[in-house]
Amino acid sequence: QTLLRVGELEMDLIGRAVHRQGKEIDLQPREFQLLEFMMRHAGQSVTRTMLLEKVWEYHFDPQTNVIDVHISRLRSKIDKGFDRPMLQTVRGAGYRLDA
C-alpha cells in the first residue's frame, strides 16, 4: 500500500507527500514517520509508549517531552487553517487521529 488516506488527509509513501483538502503539507522526516504511524492506526488511541517504540525505536522512556513537541508541530501543520482538527489528545491514554 503506497497511499494512506484518513478522511481528507492523504499520504503518498513513495512520493513522501502529504495533502489535506488538496493543500500540500511540508513535514520533516520524523513528523512524516509520526503521521504515517498515526494514519495506520487511525481511530485508535495510540500511547506514548507505542510512539516511542515504533517511531523513535526507543524501548525505554527517556523522560523527555520529545513526543509532545513533535505532536504539537504535527498538529499545527495538519490542523491549522482547517475547520476541524484531526489530531486529538486522549487524556490519560495518548493521541488519536480521526477522519
Protein backbone atom coordinates (compact mmCIF):
# COMPACT_ATOMS: atom_id res chain seq x y z
CA GLN A 1 0.00 0.00 0.00
CA THR A 2 1.62 3.25 -1.14
CA LEU A 3 -1.24 5.68 -0.45
CA LEU A 4 -2.74 6.21 3.00
CA ARG A 5 -5.97 8.14 3.40
CA VAL A 6 -7.78 9.21 6.56
CA GLY A 7 -10.72 11.45 5.80
CA GLU A 8 -9.40 14.44 3.86
CA LEU A 9 -5.77 13.69 4.77
CA GLU A 10 -3.73 11.81 2.18
CA MET A 11 -0.16 10.48 2.37
CA ASP A 12 1.87 9.27 -0.61
CA LEU A 13 4.50 6.95 0.86
CA ILE A 14 6.61 6.78 -2.31
CA GLY A 15 6.49 10.48 -3.17
CA ARG A 16 6.80 11.38 0.55
CA ALA A 17 3.99 13.93 0.15
CA VAL A 18 1.08 14.79 2.43
CA HIS A 19 -2.05 16.69 1.40
CA ARG A 20 -5.18 17.81 3.22
CA GLN A 21 -8.05 19.05 1.07
CA GLY A 22 -5.57 19.26 -1.81
CA LYS A 23 -3.19 21.54 0.13
CA GLU A 24 0.37 20.21 0.40
CA ILE A 25 1.74 19.93 3.93
CA ASP A 26 5.51 20.09 4.33
CA LEU A 27 6.74 17.67 7.02
CA GLN A 28 10.14 16.94 8.50
CA PRO A 29 11.23 13.26 8.28
CA ARG A 30 10.27 12.44 11.89
CA GLU A 31 6.92 14.22 11.52
CA PHE A 32 6.29 12.14 8.39
CA GLN A 33 7.06 8.91 10.29
CA LEU A 34 4.85 10.00 13.17
CA LEU A 35 1.94 10.85 10.88
CA GLU A 36 2.36 7.59 8.96
CA PHE A 37 2.10 5.64 12.22
CA MET A 38 -0.93 7.67 13.30
CA MET A 39 -2.62 7.15 9.92
CA ARG A 40 -2.02 3.39 10.04
CA HIS A 41 -3.75 3.41 13.45
CA ALA A 42 -6.46 5.95 12.61
CA GLY A 43 -9.38 5.98 15.03
CA GLN A 44 -7.36 4.16 17.69
CA SER A 45 -5.78 5.62 20.80
CA VAL A 46 -2.00 5.47 20.39
CA THR A 47 0.02 5.55 23.60
CA ARG A 48 3.26 7.42 24.19
CA THR A 49 4.98 4.05 24.69
CA MET A 50 3.79 2.86 21.27
CA LEU A 51 5.14 6.04 19.67
CA LEU A 52 8.49 5.79 21.45
CA GLU A 53 8.91 2.16 20.36
CA LYS A 54 7.61 2.35 16.79
CA VAL A 55 8.59 5.86 15.66
CA TRP A 56 11.68 6.63 17.76
CA GLU A 57 12.73 2.98 18.27
CA TYR A 58 13.26 3.59 21.99
CA HIS A 59 12.49 0.64 24.22
CA PHE A 60 12.59 2.75 27.37
CA ASP A 61 11.05 6.05 28.40
CA PRO A 62 13.71 8.78 28.05
CA GLN A 63 11.64 11.05 30.33
CA THR A 64 11.62 13.89 27.80
CA ASN A 65 8.87 15.85 26.09
CA VAL A 66 10.04 14.81 22.60
CA ILE A 67 6.64 13.31 21.75
CA ASP A 68 4.74 16.37 22.97
CA VAL A 69 6.93 18.66 20.85
CA HIS A 70 6.51 16.58 17.69
CA ILE A 71 2.76 16.10 18.20
CA SER A 72 2.40 19.86 18.68
CA ARG A 73 4.33 20.61 15.48
CA LEU A 74 2.40 17.98 13.54
CA ARG A 75 -0.92 19.27 14.87
CA SER A 76 -0.08 22.81 13.80
CA LYS A 77 0.76 21.61 10.29
CA ILE A 78 -2.16 19.28 9.62
CA ASP A 79 -4.91 21.09 11.57
CA LYS A 80 -4.09 24.80 11.33
CA GLY A 81 -6.33 26.63 8.87
CA PHE A 82 -8.86 23.79 8.66
CA ASP A 83 -12.35 23.71 10.15
CA ARG A 84 -11.99 20.53 12.15
CA PRO A 85 -8.92 19.24 13.99
CA MET A 86 -7.96 15.65 13.18
CA LEU A 87 -5.20 15.02 15.75
CA GLN A 88 -6.78 14.58 19.18
CA THR A 89 -5.27 14.22 22.64
CA VAL A 90 -6.84 11.36 24.58
CA ARG A 91 -6.41 12.27 28.24
CA GLY A 92 -4.53 9.62 30.18
CA ALA A 93 -4.12 7.45 27.08
CA GLY A 94 -2.20 9.24 24.31
CA TYR A 95 -3.31 10.52 20.91
CA ARG A 96 -5.79 9.65 18.16
CA LEU A 97 -6.09 10.64 14.51
CA ASP A 98 -9.74 10.89 13.46
CA ALA A 99 -11.20 11.35 9.98
